[in-house]
Amino acid sequence: MKTLAKVGIITLISILGLQTYSLAQSALFVYKNENKGMGDYMCMRGMPNQQEAEYLTKQKLQELVNDEQHIFKYTSTNGKGYGIVLKSSIKTEDGANLAIFGGALGCKSYKQAENLALANLRKFNPEWKGKEYVVVLKFEDK
């Protein structure tokens, strides 16, 4: 009976360990409305699967900004790794400051994540010519 109990405990630990490993899906959605001069982001990590991460991230951002038209999926990953979100700003045509974001998920290091996020910041915001940004979120999804 003791052996059976040990096997049961080891099996339970293994299942919990596998469940923790599988919770490494992340998604990043961005809101960018140049007409209103508004920008924001939503990032979720540690989700059970990539589809749920994307769905919940988009849903929560829609609840926050109430403007589905200007929300887009920035990136998502189905694996573990380092993630980062960068924030900067640009001037809109009417002179307002618009928050813009760059992000990367599932990278092998924070440095790789930062470099990719910076490249994405430039890619998704070609009007951004600046070099200044701040790190607003930095994490490791295990």
C-alpha atoms as a PDB file:
ATOM      1  CA  MET A   1       0.000   0.000   0.000  1.00  0.00           C
ATOM      2  CA  LYS A   2       2.854   2.409   0.774  1.00  0.00           C
ATOM      3  CA  THR A   3       4.362   1.800  -2.673  1.00  0.00           C
ATOM      4  CA  LEU A   4       1.021   2.525  -4.328  1.00  0.00           C
ATOM      5  CA  ALA A   5       0.718   5.769  -2.336  1.00  0.00           C
ATOM      6  CA  LYS A   6       4.235   6.812  -3.401  1.00  0.00           C
ATOM      7  CA  VAL A   7       3.428   6.075  -7.048  1.00  0.00           C
ATOM      8  CA  GLY A   8       0.224   8.117  -6.701  1.00  0.00           C
ATOM      9  CA  ILE A   9       2.091  11.078  -5.204  1.00  0.00           C
ATOM     10  CA  ILE A  10       4.819  10.929  -7.862  1.00  0.00           C
ATOM     11  CA  THR A  11       2.160  10.740 -10.584  1.00  0.00           C
ATOM     12  CA  LEU A  12       0.336  13.732  -9.097  1.00  0.00           C
ATOM     13  CA  ILE A  13       3.558  15.750  -8.926  1.00  0.00           C
ATOM     14  CA  SER A  14       4.325  14.824 -12.535  1.00  0.00           C
ATOM     15  CA  ILE A  15       0.873  15.880 -13.706  1.00  0.00           C
ATOM     16  CA  LEU A  16       1.115  19.178 -11.843  1.00  0.00           C
ATOM     17  CA  GLY A  17       4.583  19.718 -13.254  1.00  0.00           C
ATOM     18  CA  LEU A  18       3.361  19.099 -16.801  1.00  0.00           C
ATOM     19  CA  GLN A  19       0.400  21.384 -16.249  1.00  0.00           C
ATOM     20  CA  THR A  20       2.696  24.179 -15.095  1.00  0.00           C
ATOM     21  CA  TYR A  21       4.921  23.613 -18.134  1.00  0.00           C
ATOM     22  CA  SER A  22       1.954  23.834 -20.484  1.00  0.00           C
ATOM     23  CA  LEU A  23       0.874  27.191 -19.050  1.00  0.00           C
ATOM     24  CA  ALA A  24       3.388  29.218 -21.024  1.00  0.00           C
ATOM     25  CA  GLN A  25       1.289  30.802 -23.742  1.00  0.00           C
ATOM     26  CA  SER A  26       1.224  34.580 -24.049  1.00  0.00           C
ATOM     27  CA  ALA A  27      -0.408  37.237 -26.193  1.00  0.00           C
ATOM     28  CA  LEU A  28       0.039  40.975 -26.690  1.00  0.00           C
ATOM     29  CA  PHE A  29      -2.615  43.202 -28.244  1.00  0.00           C
ATOM     30  CA  VAL A  30      -2.241  46.933 -28.882  1.00  0.00           C
ATOM     31  CA  TYR A  31      -4.773  49.740 -29.175  1.00  0.00           C
ATOM     32  CA  LYS A  32      -3.728  52.630 -31.398  1.00  0.00           C
ATOM     33  CA  ASN A  33      -6.206  55.371 -32.293  1.00  0.00           C
ATOM     34  CA  GLU A  34      -4.421  58.315 -33.868  1.00  0.00           C
ATOM     35  CA  ASN A  35      -7.687  60.230 -34.333  1.00  0.00           C
ATOM     36  CA  LYS A  36      -8.256  60.303 -30.569  1.00  0.00           C
ATOM     37  CA  GLY A  37      -4.554  60.412 -29.686  1.00  0.00           C
ATOM     38  CA  MET A  38      -4.901  57.276 -27.576  1.00  0.00           C
ATOM     39  CA  GLY A  39      -2.785  54.155 -27.278  1.00  0.00           C
ATOM     40  CA  ASP A  40      -2.674  51.264 -24.833  1.00  0.00           C
ATOM     41  CA  TYR A  41      -1.749  47.592 -24.620  1.00  0.00           C
ATOM     42  CA  MET A  42      -2.842  44.395 -22.938  1.00  0.00           C
ATOM     43  CA  CYS A  43      -0.582  41.412 -22.337  1.00  0.00           C
ATOM     44  CA  MET A  44      -1.524  38.097 -20.786  1.00  0.00           C
ATOM     45  CA  ARG A  45       0.851  35.290 -19.976  1.00  0.00           C
ATOM     46  CA  GLY A  46       0.712  31.860 -18.403  1.00  0.00           C
ATOM     47  CA  MET A  47      -2.460  30.933 -20.258  1.00  0.00           C
ATOM     48  CA  PRO A  48      -3.507  27.295 -20.948  1.00  0.00           C
ATOM     49  CA  ASN A  49      -3.242  27.675 -24.733  1.00  0.00           C
ATOM     50  CA  GLN A  50      -2.408  30.271 -27.357  1.00  0.00           C
ATOM     51  CA  GLN A  51      -5.994  30.678 -28.574  1.00  0.00           C
ATOM     52  CA  GLU A  52      -7.265  31.421 -25.065  1.00  0.00           C
ATOM     53  CA  ALA A  53      -4.403  33.856 -24.490  1.00  0.00           C
ATOM     54  CA  GLU A  54      -5.317  35.728 -27.676  1.00  0.00           C
ATOM     55  CA  TYR A  55      -9.061  35.700 -26.994  1.00  0.00           C
ATOM     56  CA  LEU A  56      -8.836  36.901 -23.386  1.00  0.00           C
ATOM     57  CA  THR A  57      -6.188  39.512 -24.132  1.00  0.00           C
ATOM     58  CA  LYS A  58      -8.262  41.049 -26.915  1.00  0.00           C
ATOM     59  CA  GLN A  59     -11.455  40.851 -24.857  1.00  0.00           C
ATOM     60  CA  LYS A  60      -9.902  42.618 -21.850  1.00  0.00           C
ATOM     61  CA  LEU A  61      -8.429  45.367 -24.030  1.00  0.00           C
ATOM     62  CA  GLN A  62     -11.818  45.879 -25.717  1.00  0.00           C
ATOM     63  CA  GLU A  63     -13.417  46.247 -22.279  1.00  0.00           C
ATOM     64  CA  LEU A  64     -10.782  48.813 -21.350  1.00  0.00           C
ATOM     65  CA  VAL A  65     -10.902  51.036 -24.454  1.00  0.00           C
ATOM     66  CA  ASN A  66     -14.366  50.208 -25.883  1.00  0.00           C
ATOM     67  CA  ASP A  67     -13.081  50.516 -29.469  1.00  0.00           C
ATOM     68  CA  GLU A  68     -12.612  47.199 -31.295  1.00  0.00           C
ATOM     69  CA  GLN A  69     -11.745  48.838 -34.623  1.00  0.00           C
ATOM     70  CA  HIS A  70      -8.328  50.095 -33.466  1.00  0.00           C
ATOM     71  CA  ILE A  71      -7.186  46.951 -31.622  1.00  0.00           C
ATOM     72  CA  PHE A  72      -4.780  44.568 -33.291  1.00  0.00           C
ATOM     73  CA  LYS A  73      -2.856  41.466 -32.355  1.00  0.00           C
ATOM     74  CA  TYR A  74       0.756  42.416 -31.936  1.00  0.00           C
ATOM     75  CA  THR A  75       2.263  39.042 -31.162  1.00  0.00           C
ATOM     76  CA  SER A  76       1.544  35.771 -29.400  1.00  0.00           C
ATOM     77  CA  THR A  77       3.508  32.659 -28.576  1.00  0.00           C
ATOM     78  CA  ASN A  78       2.780  29.042 -27.834  1.00  0.00           C
ATOM     79  CA  GLY A  79       5.908  28.515 -25.773  1.00  0.00           C
ATOM     80  CA  LYS A  80       7.847  29.698 -22.795  1.00  0.00           C
ATOM     81  CA  GLY A  81      10.511  32.372 -22.777  1.00  0.00           C
ATOM     82  CA  TYR A  82      11.214  35.991 -21.981  1.00  0.00           C
ATOM     83  CA  GLY A  83       8.823  38.781 -22.845  1.00  0.00           C
ATOM     84  CA  ILE A  84       8.990  42.544 -22.818  1.00  0.00           C
ATOM     85  CA  VAL A  85       6.782  45.515 -23.708  1.00  0.00           C
ATOM     86  CA  LEU A  86       8.294  48.891 -24.603  1.00  0.00           C
ATOM     87  CA  LYS A  87       6.493  52.240 -24.632  1.00  0.00           C
ATOM     88  CA  SER A  88       7.293  55.436 -26.466  1.00  0.00           C
ATOM     89  CA  SER A  89       5.273  58.260 -28.003  1.00  0.00           C
ATOM     90  CA  ILE A  90       4.754  60.135 -31.237  1.00  0.00           C
ATOM     91  CA  LYS A  91       3.060  63.434 -32.032  1.00  0.00           C
ATOM     92  CA  THR A  92      -0.201  63.149 -33.951  1.00  0.00           C
ATOM     93  CA  GLU A  93      -1.182  65.594 -36.690  1.00  0.00           C
ATOM     94  CA  ASP A  94      -3.069  67.731 -34.173  1.00  0.00           C
ATOM     95  CA  GLY A  95      -0.060  67.825 -31.830  1.00  0.00           C
ATOM     96  CA  ALA A  96      -1.231  65.310 -29.227  1.00  0.00           C
ATOM     97  CA  ASN A  97       1.175  62.741 -27.804  1.00  0.00           C
ATOM     98  CA  LEU A  98       0.164  59.201 -28.779  1.00  0.00           C
ATOM     99  CA  ALA A  99       1.492  56.287 -26.714  1.00  0.00           C
ATOM    100  CA  ILE A 100       2.935  53.560 -28.940  1.00  0.00           C
ATOM    101  CA  PHE A 101       4.194  50.122 -27.998  1.00  0.00           C
ATOM    102  CA  GLY A 102       6.655  47.479 -29.081  1.00  0.00           C
ATOM    103  CA  GLY A 103       6.711  43.977 -27.712  1.00  0.00           C
ATOM    104  CA  ALA A 104       8.219  40.540 -27.991  1.00  0.00           C
ATOM    105  CA  LEU A 105       7.293  37.205 -26.410  1.00  0.00           C
ATOM    106  CA  GLY A 106       8.887  33.776 -26.123  1.00  0.00           C
ATOM    107  CA  CYS A 107      12.500  34.942 -26.507  1.00  0.00           C
ATOM    108  CA  LYS A 108      15.618  33.160 -25.236  1.00  0.00           C
ATOM    109  CA  SER A 109      16.835  36.174 -23.199  1.00  0.00           C
ATOM    110  CA  TYR A 110      15.720  39.611 -22.033  1.00  0.00           C
ATOM    111  CA  LYS A 111      18.234  41.209 -24.402  1.00  0.00           C
ATOM    112  CA  GLN A 112      16.821  39.311 -27.382  1.00  0.00           C
ATOM    113  CA  ALA A 113      13.294  40.278 -26.285  1.00  0.00           C
ATOM    114  CA  GLU A 114      14.260  43.952 -25.996  1.00  0.00           C
ATOM    115  CA  ASN A 115      15.949  43.980 -29.417  1.00  0.00           C
ATOM    116  CA  LEU A 116      12.953  42.294 -31.065  1.00  0.00           C
ATOM    117  CA  ALA A 117      10.499  44.586 -29.254  1.00  0.00           C
ATOM    118  CA  LEU A 118      12.444  47.622 -30.466  1.00  0.00           C
ATOM    119  CA  ALA A 119      12.384  46.280 -34.035  1.00  0.00           C
ATOM    120  CA  ASN A 120       8.626  45.712 -33.693  1.00  0.00           C
ATOM    121  CA  LEU A 121       8.148  49.213 -32.288  1.00  0.00           C
ATOM    122  CA  ARG A 122       9.736  50.589 -35.456  1.00  0.00           C
ATOM    123  CA  LYS A 123       7.930  48.138 -37.761  1.00  0.00           C
ATOM    124  CA  PHE A 124       4.420  48.827 -36.437  1.00  0.00           C
ATOM    125  CA  ASN A 125       5.034  52.560 -36.009  1.00  0.00           C
ATOM    126  CA  PRO A 126       7.062  53.679 -39.048  1.00  0.00           C
ATOM    127  CA  GLU A 127       6.392  57.321 -38.175  1.00  0.00           C
ATOM    128  CA  TRP A 128       8.373  56.862 -34.940  1.00  0.00           C
ATOM    129  CA  LYS A 129      11.860  58.285 -35.384  1.00  0.00           C
ATOM    130  CA  GLY A 130      12.800  58.425 -31.724  1.00  0.00           C
ATOM    131  CA  LYS A 131      15.284  56.424 -29.763  1.00  0.00           C
ATOM    132  CA  GLU A 132      13.749  56.913 -26.345  1.00  0.00           C
ATOM    133  CA  TYR A 133      11.491  54.301 -24.810  1.00  0.00           C
ATOM    134  CA  VAL A 134      10.701  52.821 -21.427  1.00  0.00           C
ATOM    135  CA  VAL A 135      10.220  49.197 -20.424  1.00  0.00           C
ATOM    136  CA  VAL A 136       6.665  48.886 -19.090  1.00  0.00           C
ATOM    137  CA  LEU A 137       6.580  45.104 -18.698  1.00  0.00           C
ATOM    138  CA  LYS A 138       9.322  42.507 -18.436  1.00  0.00           C
ATOM    139  CA  PHE A 139       8.741  38.856 -17.539  1.00  0.00           C
ATOM    140  CA  GLU A 140       9.782  35.254 -17.958  1.00  0.00           C
ATOM    141  CA  ASP A 141       6.992  32.859 -18.905  1.00  0.00           C
ATOM    142  CA  LYS A 142       8.014  29.427 -17.633  1.00  0.00           C
END
